[in-house]
């Protein structure tokens, strides 16, 4: 009797473990906003994100800069952490800075980043990425400069639709 109860509990536990390892279906299309530092965004001005099947187009308007970027979700971090994805991103930002008394500096920045995206809760997500940035600067009357430097992005966003739609359950076993 004890042996059959043990086998029954083992099989029942196995079924629950399998059910918990099934990853929920993610929404294919979403619209959201993102704010943070680095990448194409500068806090507190948010960006506009449009995501379709893991590819996000990020449009970053600003007061003295404008940016655009593409982020690709590569694959989940692991089967258990299905809501964390490896990322690769490319951004372009163009803007002006006031470094000299009577002149403004125009800049173009290109960045290549990689990191993680974490979907938390129903609509929120966070990104942390590291990489490199190439920046060209030109000021009238001064020599143009360019440099490559380490770069990062960190921020939090919110989506209009739920990240993972509610699971539909039926009562009575009907489909």
Protein backbone atom coordinates (compact mmCIF):
# COMPACT_ATOMS: atom_id res chain seq x y z
CA UNK A 1 0.00 0.00 0.00
CA UNK A 2 2.77 2.45 0.92
CA UNK A 3 4.63 1.65 -2.29
CA UNK A 4 1.60 2.30 -4.54
CA UNK A 5 0.81 5.54 -2.67
CA UNK A 6 4.43 6.64 -3.21
CA UNK A 7 4.24 5.86 -6.96
CA UNK A 8 0.89 7.67 -7.24
CA UNK A 9 2.26 10.79 -5.51
CA UNK A 10 5.40 10.69 -7.65
CA UNK A 11 3.35 10.56 -10.89
CA UNK A 12 1.02 13.30 -9.66
CA UNK A 13 3.99 15.54 -8.73
CA UNK A 14 5.53 14.89 -12.14
CA UNK A 15 2.33 16.09 -13.85
CA UNK A 16 2.37 19.32 -11.81
CA UNK A 17 6.04 19.95 -12.58
CA UNK A 18 5.40 19.48 -16.31
CA UNK A 19 2.44 21.87 -16.19
CA UNK A 20 4.57 24.51 -14.47
CA UNK A 21 7.36 24.25 -17.03
CA UNK A 22 5.01 25.00 -19.93
CA UNK A 23 5.73 28.56 -21.02
CA UNK A 24 2.70 30.74 -21.68
CA UNK A 25 2.09 32.15 -25.14
CA UNK A 26 3.33 35.72 -25.50
CA UNK A 27 1.45 38.46 -27.32
CA UNK A 28 2.84 38.95 -30.86
CA UNK A 29 2.12 42.70 -31.14
CA UNK A 30 2.39 45.41 -28.51
CA UNK A 31 2.77 49.18 -28.26
CA UNK A 32 4.44 50.80 -25.29
CA UNK A 33 6.68 53.47 -23.91
CA UNK A 34 10.16 53.25 -22.37
CA UNK A 35 12.21 55.68 -20.32
CA UNK A 36 15.69 55.37 -18.94
CA UNK A 37 19.27 56.37 -19.51
CA UNK A 38 21.49 55.34 -22.38
CA UNK A 39 20.56 53.73 -25.66
CA UNK A 40 18.21 56.01 -27.59
CA UNK A 41 16.44 57.51 -24.58
CA UNK A 42 17.22 60.20 -22.07
CA UNK A 43 15.12 60.38 -18.92
CA UNK A 44 12.50 61.86 -18.39
CA UNK A 45 11.41 61.96 -22.06
CA UNK A 46 9.88 58.57 -22.94
CA UNK A 47 10.27 56.72 -26.21
CA UNK A 48 7.60 55.06 -28.32
CA UNK A 49 8.03 51.28 -28.72
CA UNK A 50 6.28 49.15 -31.31
CA UNK A 51 6.99 45.41 -30.91
CA UNK A 52 6.10 42.63 -33.31
CA UNK A 53 7.20 39.03 -32.69
CA UNK A 54 10.28 39.98 -30.67
CA UNK A 55 11.48 42.91 -32.82
CA UNK A 56 11.00 46.36 -31.29
CA UNK A 57 11.19 49.64 -33.18
CA UNK A 58 12.07 52.41 -30.72
CA UNK A 59 11.44 56.05 -31.68
CA UNK A 60 13.01 58.55 -29.28
CA UNK A 61 11.98 62.19 -29.68
CA UNK A 62 13.74 64.77 -27.56
CA UNK A 63 14.26 68.47 -27.04
CA UNK A 64 17.75 68.67 -28.57
CA UNK A 65 18.06 65.16 -29.99
CA UNK A 66 16.13 62.55 -31.95
CA UNK A 67 16.82 58.85 -32.06
CA UNK A 68 15.68 55.62 -33.57
CA UNK A 69 16.63 52.04 -32.82
CA UNK A 70 15.84 48.40 -33.33
CA UNK A 71 15.94 45.81 -30.55
CA UNK A 72 15.74 42.09 -31.26
CA UNK A 73 14.77 39.55 -28.60
CA UNK A 74 17.04 36.61 -29.37
CA UNK A 75 15.81 33.79 -27.11
CA UNK A 76 14.60 33.24 -23.53
CA UNK A 77 17.19 33.24 -20.76
CA UNK A 78 16.11 29.71 -19.82
CA UNK A 79 13.01 27.53 -19.89
CA UNK A 80 12.31 28.36 -16.26
CA UNK A 81 12.82 32.12 -16.69
CA UNK A 82 10.68 32.41 -19.83
CA UNK A 83 9.97 36.10 -19.12
CA UNK A 84 13.67 37.11 -19.44
CA UNK A 85 15.10 37.44 -22.96
CA UNK A 86 18.58 37.98 -24.38
CA UNK A 87 18.67 41.16 -26.51
CA UNK A 88 20.69 42.76 -29.28
CA UNK A 89 20.12 46.44 -30.14
CA UNK A 90 21.28 49.05 -32.64
CA UNK A 91 20.54 52.76 -32.07
CA UNK A 92 21.15 56.00 -33.95
CA UNK A 93 20.83 59.38 -32.20
CA UNK A 94 21.34 62.81 -33.75
CA UNK A 95 21.33 66.02 -31.74
CA UNK A 96 22.97 69.22 -30.57
CA UNK A 97 24.86 70.22 -27.44
CA UNK A 98 25.85 73.67 -26.17
CA UNK A 99 29.48 73.30 -25.10
CA UNK A 100 30.89 76.62 -26.22
CA UNK A 101 29.62 80.14 -25.49
CA UNK A 102 28.43 81.07 -28.98
CA UNK A 103 28.41 77.74 -30.82
CA UNK A 104 26.46 74.54 -30.70
CA UNK A 105 27.96 71.12 -31.27
CA UNK A 106 26.14 68.73 -33.58
CA UNK A 107 26.59 65.03 -32.89
CA UNK A 108 25.72 61.68 -34.43
CA UNK A 109 25.90 58.62 -32.20
CA UNK A 110 25.69 54.97 -33.22
CA UNK A 111 25.50 52.29 -30.55
CA UNK A 112 25.55 48.50 -30.57
CA UNK A 113 24.32 46.85 -27.36
CA UNK A 114 23.49 43.44 -25.92
CA UNK A 115 21.80 42.49 -22.68
CA UNK A 116 18.59 41.31 -21.03
CA UNK A 117 14.91 42.25 -21.15
CA UNK A 118 12.74 41.29 -18.18
CA UNK A 119 8.95 41.18 -18.52
CA UNK A 120 7.53 41.79 -15.05
CA UNK A 121 3.93 41.86 -13.97
CA UNK A 122 1.21 42.24 -16.56
CA UNK A 123 2.46 45.17 -18.65
CA UNK A 124 5.85 46.33 -17.30
CA UNK A 125 9.31 45.45 -18.59
CA UNK A 126 12.88 46.47 -17.87
CA UNK A 127 16.03 46.42 -20.02
CA UNK A 128 19.71 46.36 -19.13
CA UNK A 129 22.23 46.38 -21.97
CA UNK A 130 25.96 46.94 -22.38
CA UNK A 131 27.95 47.67 -25.51
CA UNK A 132 29.84 50.36 -27.41
CA UNK A 133 29.02 53.75 -28.89
CA UNK A 134 30.66 55.57 -31.79
CA UNK A 135 30.11 59.35 -31.59
CA UNK A 136 30.98 62.04 -34.15
CA UNK A 137 30.97 65.68 -33.03
CA UNK A 138 31.33 68.85 -35.10
CA UNK A 139 31.35 72.45 -33.93
CA UNK A 140 31.68 75.39 -36.35
CA UNK A 141 35.18 76.87 -35.95
CA UNK A 142 36.58 73.81 -34.18
CA UNK A 143 38.01 70.50 -35.35
CA UNK A 144 35.59 67.60 -35.64
CA UNK A 145 36.08 64.73 -33.23
CA UNK A 146 34.99 61.12 -33.07
CA UNK A 147 35.48 58.42 -30.48
CA UNK A 148 34.39 54.94 -29.48
CA UNK A 149 33.46 54.39 -25.85
CA UNK A 150 31.69 51.84 -23.64
CA UNK A 151 27.97 52.45 -23.46
CA UNK A 152 24.92 51.10 -21.63
CA UNK A 153 21.17 51.33 -21.42
CA UNK A 154 18.94 50.84 -18.43
CA UNK A 155 15.29 51.70 -18.09
CA UNK A 156 11.73 50.63 -17.48
CA UNK A 157 8.78 50.50 -19.83
CA UNK A 158 5.08 49.81 -19.93
CA UNK A 159 3.06 48.16 -22.68
CA UNK A 160 -0.47 49.05 -23.74
CA UNK A 161 -1.52 45.39 -23.90
CA UNK A 162 -0.69 42.60 -21.45
CA UNK A 163 2.69 40.93 -22.06
CA UNK A 164 1.15 37.47 -21.67
CA UNK A 165 -2.60 37.26 -22.38
CA UNK A 166 -4.80 35.77 -19.68
CA UNK A 167 -5.07 32.01 -19.90
CA UNK A 168 -8.57 31.03 -21.00
CA UNK A 169 -10.05 28.26 -18.89
CA UNK A 170 -13.35 26.56 -19.45
CA UNK A 171 -15.64 25.19 -16.79
CA UNK A 172 -16.90 21.67 -17.26
CA UNK A 173 -14.13 20.47 -19.57
CA UNK A 174 -15.74 21.83 -22.79
CA UNK A 175 -13.63 23.51 -25.43
